[in-house]
Amino acid sequence: MTLSKGEQRKCFDYALCPGGDFSSSRNSNENLYENPLSARQSEVLLWVGEGLTSKAIGEKMGISYRTVESYMVEIQNKMNVSNRQQAVTRAV
């Protein structure tokens, strides 16, 4: 399942709209304004927030679990967090 831009923005607006006014999180997510999450990365993060494992996310998206884990490393680097839970918490 691929999410529309509107669906992605509901959960991860700050990551997809780097020009928006997000002053409360601007310092902690500064890297996202220079390098926002891709649509696929946002979709992975949405599924992580729903509690799915990398394997389950891979099956839903038609990719390997290793690709999901690779996306998560990229997401964590962009969001300046050290694990999946922190990424989801920062996204909401």
PDB file of N, CA and C in Angstrom:
ATOM      1  N   MET A   1       0.838  -1.175   0.000  1.00  0.00           N
ATOM      2  CA  MET A   1       0.000   0.000   0.000  1.00  0.00           C
ATOM      3  C   MET A   1       0.888   1.245   0.000  1.00  0.00           C
ATOM      4  N   THR A   2       0.650   2.126  -0.946  1.00  0.00           N
ATOM      5  CA  THR A   2       1.382   3.375  -1.010  1.00  0.00           C
ATOM      6  C   THR A   2       0.472   4.487  -0.537  1.00  0.00           C
ATOM      7  N   LEU A   3       0.993   5.345   0.309  1.00  0.00           N
ATOM      8  CA  LEU A   3       0.209   6.438   0.867  1.00  0.00           C
ATOM      9  C   LEU A   3       0.234   7.647  -0.041  1.00  0.00           C
ATOM     10  N   SER A   4      -0.892   8.347  -0.090  1.00  0.00           N
ATOM     11  CA  SER A   4      -0.925   9.600  -0.839  1.00  0.00           C
ATOM     12  C   SER A   4      -0.169  10.656  -0.051  1.00  0.00           C
ATOM     13  N   LYS A   5       0.174  11.748  -0.709  1.00  0.00           N
ATOM     14  CA  LYS A   5       0.876  12.840  -0.026  1.00  0.00           C
ATOM     15  C   LYS A   5       0.048  13.344   1.150  1.00  0.00           C
ATOM     16  N   GLY A   6      -1.257  13.438   0.982  1.00  0.00           N
ATOM     17  CA  GLY A   6      -2.115  13.912   2.075  1.00  0.00           C
ATOM     18  C   GLY A   6      -2.073  13.008   3.286  1.00  0.00           C
ATOM     19  N   GLU A   7      -2.078  11.699   3.043  1.00  0.00           N
ATOM     20  CA  GLU A   7      -2.008  10.744   4.148  1.00  0.00           C
ATOM     21  C   GLU A   7      -0.663  10.821   4.853  1.00  0.00           C
ATOM     22  N   GLN A   8       0.393  10.996   4.090  1.00  0.00           N
ATOM     23  CA  GLN A   8       1.717  11.105   4.693  1.00  0.00           C
ATOM     24  C   GLN A   8       1.808  12.360   5.530  1.00  0.00           C
ATOM     25  N   ARG A   9       1.254  13.447   5.037  1.00  0.00           N
ATOM     26  CA  ARG A   9       1.335  14.715   5.755  1.00  0.00           C
ATOM     27  C   ARG A   9       0.563  14.690   7.061  1.00  0.00           C
ATOM     28  N   LYS A  10      -0.498  13.896   7.141  1.00  0.00           N
ATOM     29  CA  LYS A  10      -1.261  13.809   8.388  1.00  0.00           C
ATOM     30  C   LYS A  10      -0.359  13.405   9.543  1.00  0.00           C
ATOM     31  N   CYS A  11       0.538  12.453   9.298  1.00  0.00           N
ATOM     32  CA  CYS A  11       1.382  11.938  10.368  1.00  0.00           C
ATOM     33  C   CYS A  11       2.759  12.574  10.415  1.00  0.00           C
ATOM     34  N   PHE A  12       3.275  12.993   9.268  1.00  0.00           N
ATOM     35  CA  PHE A  12       4.658  13.433   9.211  1.00  0.00           C
ATOM     36  C   PHE A  12       4.803  14.760   8.483  1.00  0.00           C
ATOM     37  N   ASP A  13       3.902  15.673   8.768  1.00  0.00           N
ATOM     38  CA  ASP A  13       3.852  16.945   8.065  1.00  0.00           C
ATOM     39  C   ASP A  13       5.183  17.673   8.110  1.00  0.00           C
ATOM     40  N   TYR A  14       5.812  17.714   9.270  1.00  0.00           N
ATOM     41  CA  TYR A  14       7.059  18.458   9.395  1.00  0.00           C
ATOM     42  C   TYR A  14       8.164  17.880   8.534  1.00  0.00           C
ATOM     43  N   ALA A  15       8.120  16.579   8.300  1.00  0.00           N
ATOM     44  CA  ALA A  15       9.173  15.943   7.525  1.00  0.00           C
ATOM     45  C   ALA A  15       8.982  16.147   6.023  1.00  0.00           C
ATOM     46  N   LEU A  16       7.735  16.241   5.576  1.00  0.00           N
ATOM     47  CA  LEU A  16       7.464  16.373   4.153  1.00  0.00           C
ATOM     48  C   LEU A  16       7.349  17.817   3.705  1.00  0.00           C
ATOM     49  N   CYS A  17       7.189  18.734   4.626  1.00  0.00           N
ATOM     50  CA  CYS A  17       6.982  20.130   4.283  1.00  0.00           C
ATOM     51  C   CYS A  17       8.067  20.977   4.932  1.00  0.00           C
ATOM     52  N   PRO A  18       9.275  20.924   4.423  1.00  0.00           N
ATOM     53  CA  PRO A  18      10.371  21.617   5.088  1.00  0.00           C
ATOM     54  C   PRO A  18      10.203  23.125   5.148  1.00  0.00           C
ATOM     55  N   GLY A  19       9.332  23.710   4.338  1.00  0.00           N
ATOM     56  CA  GLY A  19       9.158  25.155   4.368  1.00  0.00           C
ATOM     57  C   GLY A  19       8.104  25.615   5.349  1.00  0.00           C
ATOM     58  N   GLY A  20       7.441  24.677   6.019  1.00  0.00           N
ATOM     59  CA  GLY A  20       6.357  25.026   6.941  1.00  0.00           C
ATOM     60  C   GLY A  20       6.850  25.676   8.213  1.00  0.00           C
ATOM     61  N   ASP A  21       5.919  26.158   9.019  1.00  0.00           N
ATOM     62  CA  ASP A  21       6.279  26.804  10.279  1.00  0.00           C
ATOM     63  C   ASP A  21       6.178  25.785  11.396  1.00  0.00           C
ATOM     64  N   PHE A  22       7.291  25.242  11.784  1.00  0.00           N
ATOM     65  CA  PHE A  22       7.336  24.241  12.835  1.00  0.00           C
ATOM     66  C   PHE A  22       8.331  24.685  13.878  1.00  0.00           C
ATOM     67  N   SER A  23       8.166  25.889  14.367  1.00  0.00           N
ATOM     68  CA  SER A  23       9.161  26.504  15.246  1.00  0.00           C
ATOM     69  C   SER A  23       9.405  25.708  16.517  1.00  0.00           C
ATOM     70  N   SER A  24       8.418  24.974  17.011  1.00  0.00           N
ATOM     71  CA  SER A  24       8.625  24.239  18.257  1.00  0.00           C
ATOM     72  C   SER A  24       9.607  23.090  18.097  1.00  0.00           C
ATOM     73  N   SER A  25       9.729  22.536  16.896  1.00  0.00           N
ATOM     74  CA  SER A  25      10.643  21.413  16.691  1.00  0.00           C
ATOM     75  C   SER A  25      11.779  21.769  15.745  1.00  0.00           C
ATOM     76  N   ARG A  26      11.909  23.028  15.380  1.00  0.00           N
ATOM     77  CA  ARG A  26      12.890  23.435  14.372  1.00  0.00           C
ATOM     78  C   ARG A  26      14.320  23.077  14.765  1.00  0.00           C
ATOM     79  N   ASN A  27      14.711  23.286  16.004  1.00  0.00           N
ATOM     80  CA  ASN A  27      16.090  22.997  16.407  1.00  0.00           C
ATOM     81  C   ASN A  27      16.383  21.508  16.439  1.00  0.00           C
ATOM     82  N   SER A  28      15.480  20.706  17.000  1.00  0.00           N
ATOM     83  CA  SER A  28      15.740  19.282  17.138  1.00  0.00           C
ATOM     84  C   SER A  28      15.633  18.540  15.811  1.00  0.00           C
ATOM     85  N   ASN A  29      14.940  19.105  14.828  1.00  0.00           N
ATOM     86  CA  ASN A  29      14.770  18.442  13.544  1.00  0.00           C
ATOM     87  C   ASN A  29      15.357  19.254  12.400  1.00  0.00           C
ATOM     88  N   GLU A  30      16.373  20.047  12.683  1.00  0.00           N
ATOM     89  CA  GLU A  30      16.935  20.938  11.678  1.00  0.00           C
ATOM     90  C   GLU A  30      17.371  20.186  10.430  1.00  0.00           C
ATOM     91  N   ASN A  31      17.930  18.992  10.578  1.00  0.00           N
ATOM     92  CA  ASN A  31      18.384  18.220   9.431  1.00  0.00           C
ATOM     93  C   ASN A  31      17.238  17.872   8.491  1.00  0.00           C
ATOM     94  N   LEU A  32      16.015  17.709   9.005  1.00  0.00           N
ATOM     95  CA  LEU A  32      14.878  17.374   8.165  1.00  0.00           C
ATOM     96  C   LEU A  32      14.527  18.505   7.210  1.00  0.00           C
ATOM     97  N   TYR A  33      14.831  19.722   7.570  1.00  0.00           N
ATOM     98  CA  TYR A  33      14.532  20.841   6.685  1.00  0.00           C
ATOM     99  C   TYR A  33      15.487  20.882   5.514  1.00  0.00           C
ATOM    100  N   GLU A  34      16.696  20.419   5.713  1.00  0.00           N
ATOM    101  CA  GLU A  34      17.675  20.361   4.641  1.00  0.00           C
ATOM    102  C   GLU A  34      17.523  19.085   3.825  1.00  0.00           C
ATOM    103  N   ASN A  35      17.052  18.018   4.438  1.00  0.00           N
ATOM    104  CA  ASN A  35      16.980  16.711   3.802  1.00  0.00           C
ATOM    105  C   ASN A  35      15.726  15.982   4.295  1.00  0.00           C
ATOM    106  N   PRO A  36      14.534  16.363   3.801  1.00  0.00           N
ATOM    107  CA  PRO A  36      13.289  15.762   4.297  1.00  0.00           C
ATOM    108  C   PRO A  36      13.181  14.280   3.959  1.00  0.00           C
ATOM    109  N   LEU A  37      12.313  13.585   4.672  1.00  0.00           N
ATOM    110  CA  LEU A  37      12.084  12.170   4.409  1.00  0.00           C
ATOM    111  C   LEU A  37      11.449  11.994   3.037  1.00  0.00           C
ATOM    112  N   SER A  38      11.844  10.927   2.362  1.00  0.00           N
ATOM    113  CA  SER A  38      11.212  10.585   1.083  1.00  0.00           C
ATOM    114  C   SER A  38       9.837   9.983   1.376  1.00  0.00           C
ATOM    115  N   ALA A  39       9.055   9.825   0.331  1.00  0.00           N
ATOM    116  CA  ALA A  39       7.726   9.223   0.491  1.00  0.00           C
ATOM    117  C   ALA A  39       7.839   7.805   1.044  1.00  0.00           C
ATOM    118  N   ARG A  40       8.805   7.037   0.564  1.00  0.00           N
ATOM    119  CA  ARG A  40       8.983   5.660   1.039  1.00  0.00           C
ATOM    120  C   ARG A  40       9.427   5.635   2.500  1.00  0.00           C
ATOM    121  N   GLN A  41      10.327   6.532   2.864  1.00  0.00           N
ATOM    122  CA  GLN A  41      10.765   6.606   4.256  1.00  0.00           C
ATOM    123  C   GLN A  41       9.592   6.985   5.157  1.00  0.00           C
ATOM    124  N   SER A  42       8.765   7.900   4.714  1.00  0.00           N
ATOM    125  CA  SER A  42       7.598   8.296   5.499  1.00  0.00           C
ATOM    126  C   SER A  42       6.620   7.140   5.674  1.00  0.00           C
ATOM    127  N   GLU A  43       6.453   6.357   4.599  1.00  0.00           N
ATOM    128  CA  GLU A  43       5.567   5.198   4.681  1.00  0.00           C
ATOM    129  C   GLU A  43       6.107   4.171   5.667  1.00  0.00           C
ATOM    130  N   VAL A  44       7.411   3.917   5.622  1.00  0.00           N
ATOM    131  CA  VAL A  44       8.029   2.989   6.579  1.00  0.00           C
ATOM    132  C   VAL A  44       7.801   3.491   8.000  1.00  0.00           C
ATOM    133  N   LEU A  45       8.021   4.775   8.229  1.00  0.00           N
ATOM    134  CA  LEU A  45       7.855   5.330   9.573  1.00  0.00           C
ATOM    135  C   LEU A  45       6.411   5.240  10.039  1.00  0.00           C
ATOM    136  N   LEU A  46       5.476   5.419   9.126  1.00  0.00           N
ATOM    137  CA  LEU A  46       4.058   5.268   9.480  1.00  0.00           C
ATOM    138  C   LEU A  46       3.773   3.849   9.950  1.00  0.00           C
ATOM    139  N   TRP A  47       4.266   2.848   9.217  1.00  0.00           N
ATOM    140  CA  TRP A  47       4.036   1.454   9.602  1.00  0.00           C
ATOM    141  C   TRP A  47       4.744   1.112  10.908  1.00  0.00           C
ATOM    142  N   VAL A  48       5.921   1.668  11.122  1.00  0.00           N
ATOM    143  CA  VAL A  48       6.614   1.461  12.400  1.00  0.00           C
ATOM    144  C   VAL A  48       5.750   2.006  13.530  1.00  0.00           C
ATOM    145  N   GLY A  49       5.149   3.173  13.303  1.00  0.00           N
ATOM    146  CA  GLY A  49       4.261   3.761  14.300  1.00  0.00           C
ATOM    147  C   GLY A  49       3.035   2.920  14.583  1.00  0.00           C
ATOM    148  N   GLU A  50       2.634   2.116  13.613  1.00  0.00           N
ATOM    149  CA  GLU A  50       1.503   1.205  13.794  1.00  0.00           C
ATOM    150  C   GLU A  50       1.919  -0.075  14.506  1.00  0.00           C
ATOM    151  N   GLY A  51       3.227  -0.211  14.773  1.00  0.00           N
ATOM    152  CA  GLY A  51       3.711  -1.367  15.527  1.00  0.00           C
ATOM    153  C   GLY A  51       4.164  -2.544  14.689  1.00  0.00           C
ATOM    154  N   LEU A  52       4.281  -2.389  13.377  1.00  0.00           N
ATOM    155  CA  LEU A  52       4.686  -3.492  12.530  1.00  0.00           C
ATOM    156  C   LEU A  52       6.190  -3.730  12.610  1.00  0.00           C
ATOM    157  N   THR A  53       6.583  -4.969  12.442  1.00  0.00           N
ATOM    158  CA  THR A  53       8.001  -5.340  12.394  1.00  0.00           C
ATOM    159  C   THR A  53       8.558  -5.014  11.011  1.00  0.00           C
ATOM    160  N   SER A  54       9.860  -5.040  10.891  1.00  0.00           N
ATOM    161  CA  SER A  54      10.485  -4.800   9.591  1.00  0.00           C
ATOM    162  C   SER A  54      10.019  -5.832   8.568  1.00  0.00           C
ATOM    163  N   LYS A  55       9.874  -7.061   8.999  1.00  0.00           N
ATOM    164  CA  LYS A  55       9.412  -8.118   8.093  1.00  0.00           C
ATOM    165  C   LYS A  55       7.998  -7.831   7.607  1.00  0.00           C
ATOM    166  N   ALA A  56       7.102  -7.457   8.512  1.00  0.00           N
ATOM    167  CA  ALA A  56       5.709  -7.176   8.138  1.00  0.00           C
ATOM    168  C   ALA A  56       5.625  -5.946   7.232  1.00  0.00           C
ATOM    169  N   ILE A  57       6.422  -4.941   7.523  1.00  0.00           N
ATOM    170  CA  ILE A  57       6.444  -3.733   6.686  1.00  0.00           C
ATOM    171  C   ILE A  57       6.932  -4.088   5.285  1.00  0.00           C
ATOM    172  N   GLY A  58       7.981  -4.880   5.220  1.00  0.00           N
ATOM    173  CA  GLY A  58       8.504  -5.313   3.930  1.00  0.00           C
ATOM    174  C   GLY A  58       7.461  -6.048   3.111  1.00  0.00           C
ATOM    175  N   GLU A  59       6.706  -6.928   3.756  1.00  0.00           N
ATOM    176  CA  GLU A  59       5.657  -7.668   3.057  1.00  0.00           C
ATOM    177  C   GLU A  59       4.577  -6.722   2.544  1.00  0.00           C
ATOM    178  N   LYS A  60       4.170  -5.746   3.345  1.00  0.00           N
ATOM    179  CA  LYS A  60       3.152  -4.782   2.931  1.00  0.00           C
ATOM    180  C   LYS A  60       3.614  -3.919   1.767  1.00  0.00           C
ATOM    181  N   MET A  61       4.904  -3.540   1.795  1.00  0.00           N
ATOM    182  CA  MET A  61       5.423  -2.619   0.789  1.00  0.00           C
ATOM    183  C   MET A  61       6.063  -3.323  -0.405  1.00  0.00           C
ATOM    184  N   GLY A  62       6.190  -4.644  -0.327  1.00  0.00           N
ATOM    185  CA  GLY A  62       6.783  -5.396  -1.422  1.00  0.00           C
ATOM    186  C   GLY A  62       8.289  -5.226  -1.528  1.00  0.00           C
ATOM    187  N   ILE A  63       8.940  -5.067  -0.366  1.00  0.00           N
ATOM    188  CA  ILE A  63      10.391  -4.929  -0.310  1.00  0.00           C
ATOM    189  C   ILE A  63      10.928  -5.874   0.757  1.00  0.00           C
ATOM    190  N   SER A  64      12.233  -6.084   0.785  1.00  0.00           N
ATOM    191  CA  SER A  64      12.797  -6.985   1.788  1.00  0.00           C
ATOM    192  C   SER A  64      12.867  -6.293   3.153  1.00  0.00           C
ATOM    193  N   TYR A  65      12.952  -7.094   4.199  1.00  0.00           N
ATOM    194  CA  TYR A  65      13.056  -6.521   5.535  1.00  0.00           C
ATOM    195  C   TYR A  65      14.371  -5.764   5.683  1.00  0.00           C
ATOM    196  N   ARG A  66      15.389  -6.180   4.953  1.00  0.00           N
ATOM    197  CA  ARG A  66      16.673  -5.471   5.012  1.00  0.00           C
ATOM    198  C   ARG A  66      16.560  -4.067   4.410  1.00  0.00           C
ATOM    199  N   THR A  67      15.740  -3.935   3.383  1.00  0.00           N
ATOM    200  CA  THR A  67      15.504  -2.607   2.807  1.00  0.00           C
ATOM    201  C   THR A  67      14.767  -1.737   3.810  1.00  0.00           C
ATOM    202  N   VAL A  68      13.808  -2.322   4.516  1.00  0.00           N
ATOM    203  CA  VAL A  68      13.084  -1.582   5.559  1.00  0.00           C
ATOM    204  C   VAL A  68      14.074  -1.112   6.623  1.00  0.00           C
ATOM    205  N   GLU A  69      14.945  -1.993   7.048  1.00  0.00           N
ATOM    206  CA  GLU A  69      15.930  -1.618   8.063  1.00  0.00           C
ATOM    207  C   GLU A  69      16.882  -0.546   7.552  1.00  0.00           C
ATOM    208  N   SER A  70      17.212  -0.599   6.273  1.00  0.00           N
ATOM    209  CA  SER A  70      18.054   0.434   5.676  1.00  0.00           C
ATOM    210  C   SER A  70      17.335   1.782   5.685  1.00  0.00           C
ATOM    211  N   TYR A  71      16.054   1.768   5.341  1.00  0.00           N
ATOM    212  CA  TYR A  71      15.256   3.000   5.410  1.00  0.00           C
ATOM    213  C   TYR A  71      15.244   3.538   6.841  1.00  0.00           C
ATOM    214  N   MET A  72      15.121   2.642   7.821  1.00  0.00           N
ATOM    215  CA  MET A  72      15.075   3.091   9.212  1.00  0.00           C
ATOM    216  C   MET A  72      16.391   3.742   9.633  1.00  0.00           C
ATOM    217  N   VAL A  73      17.514   3.225   9.187  1.00  0.00           N
ATOM    218  CA  VAL A  73      18.803   3.849   9.494  1.00  0.00           C
ATOM    219  C   VAL A  73      18.838   5.252   8.909  1.00  0.00           C
ATOM    220  N   GLU A  74      18.382   5.398   7.660  1.00  0.00           N
ATOM    221  CA  GLU A  74      18.352   6.712   7.018  1.00  0.00           C
ATOM    222  C   GLU A  74      17.414   7.664   7.762  1.00  0.00           C
ATOM    223  N   ILE A  75      16.244   7.161   8.165  1.00  0.00           N
ATOM    224  CA  ILE A  75      15.263   7.965   8.906  1.00  0.00           C
ATOM    225  C   ILE A  75      15.867   8.433  10.225  1.00  0.00           C
ATOM    226  N   GLN A  76      16.472   7.514  10.955  1.00  0.00           N
ATOM    227  CA  GLN A  76      17.063   7.848  12.247  1.00  0.00           C
ATOM    228  C   GLN A  76      18.176   8.884  12.089  1.00  0.00           C
ATOM    229  N   ASN A  77      18.972   8.772  11.044  1.00  0.00           N
ATOM    230  CA  ASN A  77      20.022   9.757  10.803  1.00  0.00           C
ATOM    231  C   ASN A  77      19.426  11.122  10.494  1.00  0.00           C
ATOM    232  N   LYS A  78      18.409  11.156   9.649  1.00  0.00           N
ATOM    233  CA  LYS A  78      17.776  12.428   9.299  1.00  0.00           C
ATOM    234  C   LYS A  78      17.088  13.079  10.492  1.00  0.00           C
ATOM    235  N   MET A  79      16.518  12.248  11.363  1.00  0.00           N
ATOM    236  CA  MET A  79      15.779  12.768  12.515  1.00  0.00           C
ATOM    237  C   MET A  79      16.664  12.949  13.737  1.00  0.00           C
ATOM    238  N   ASN A  80      17.919  12.531  13.636  1.00  0.00           N
ATOM    239  CA  ASN A  80      18.874  12.649  14.738  1.00  0.00           C
ATOM    240  C   ASN A  80      18.378  11.925  15.998  1.00  0.00           C
ATOM    241  N   VAL A  81      17.957  10.663  15.798  1.00  0.00           N
ATOM    242  CA  VAL A  81      17.507   9.819  16.903  1.00  0.00           C
ATOM    243  C   VAL A  81      18.277   8.509  16.836  1.00  0.00           C
ATOM    244  N   SER A  82      18.187   7.715  17.902  1.00  0.00           N
ATOM    245  CA  SER A  82      18.985   6.491  17.936  1.00  0.00           C
ATOM    246  C   SER A  82      18.181   5.203  17.827  1.00  0.00           C
ATOM    247  N   ASN A  83      16.841   5.281  17.807  1.00  0.00           N
ATOM    248  CA  ASN A  83      16.063   4.054  17.639  1.00  0.00           C
ATOM    249  C   ASN A  83      14.681   4.343  17.050  1.00  0.00           C
ATOM    250  N   ARG A  84      13.974   3.262  16.716  1.00  0.00           N
ATOM    251  CA  ARG A  84      12.672   3.366  16.050  1.00  0.00           C
ATOM    252  C   ARG A  84      11.655   4.123  16.904  1.00  0.00           C
ATOM    253  N   GLN A  85      11.640   3.836  18.185  1.00  0.00           N
ATOM    254  CA  GLN A  85      10.670   4.476  19.073  1.00  0.00           C
ATOM    255  C   GLN A  85      10.867   5.989  19.123  1.00  0.00           C
ATOM    256  N   GLN A  86      12.113   6.421  19.175  1.00  0.00           N
ATOM    257  CA  GLN A  86      12.383   7.852  19.195  1.00  0.00           C
ATOM    258  C   GLN A  86      11.950   8.500  17.880  1.00  0.00           C
ATOM    259  N   ALA A  87      12.151   7.811  16.776  1.00  0.00           N
ATOM    260  CA  ALA A  87      11.744   8.354  15.474  1.00  0.00           C
ATOM    261  C   ALA A  87      10.227   8.546  15.420  1.00  0.00           C
ATOM    262  N   VAL A  88       9.479   7.547  15.877  1.00  0.00           N
ATOM    263  CA  VAL A  88       8.025   7.653  15.878  1.00  0.00           C
ATOM    264  C   VAL A  88       7.570   8.754  16.824  1.00  0.00           C
ATOM    265  N   THR A  89       8.163   8.823  18.002  1.00  0.00           N
ATOM    266  CA  THR A  89       7.794   9.847  18.975  1.00  0.00           C
ATOM    267  C   THR A  89       8.047  11.245  18.420  1.00  0.00           C
ATOM    268  N   ARG A  90       9.165  11.430  17.770  1.00  0.00           N
ATOM    269  CA  ARG A  90       9.482  12.739  17.207  1.00  0.00           C
ATOM    270  C   ARG A  90       8.558  13.076  16.034  1.00  0.00           C
ATOM    271  N   ALA A  91       8.080  12.067  15.326  1.00  0.00           N
ATOM    272  CA  ALA A  91       7.236  12.303  14.158  1.00  0.00           C
ATOM    273  C   ALA A  91       5.820  12.741  14.500  1.00  0.00           C
ATOM    274  N   VAL A  92       5.342  12.366  15.664  1.00  0.00           N
ATOM    275  CA  VAL A  92       3.940  12.708  16.003  1.00  0.00           C
ATOM    276  C   VAL A  92       3.805  13.959  16.811  1.00  0.00           C
TER     277      VAL A  92
END
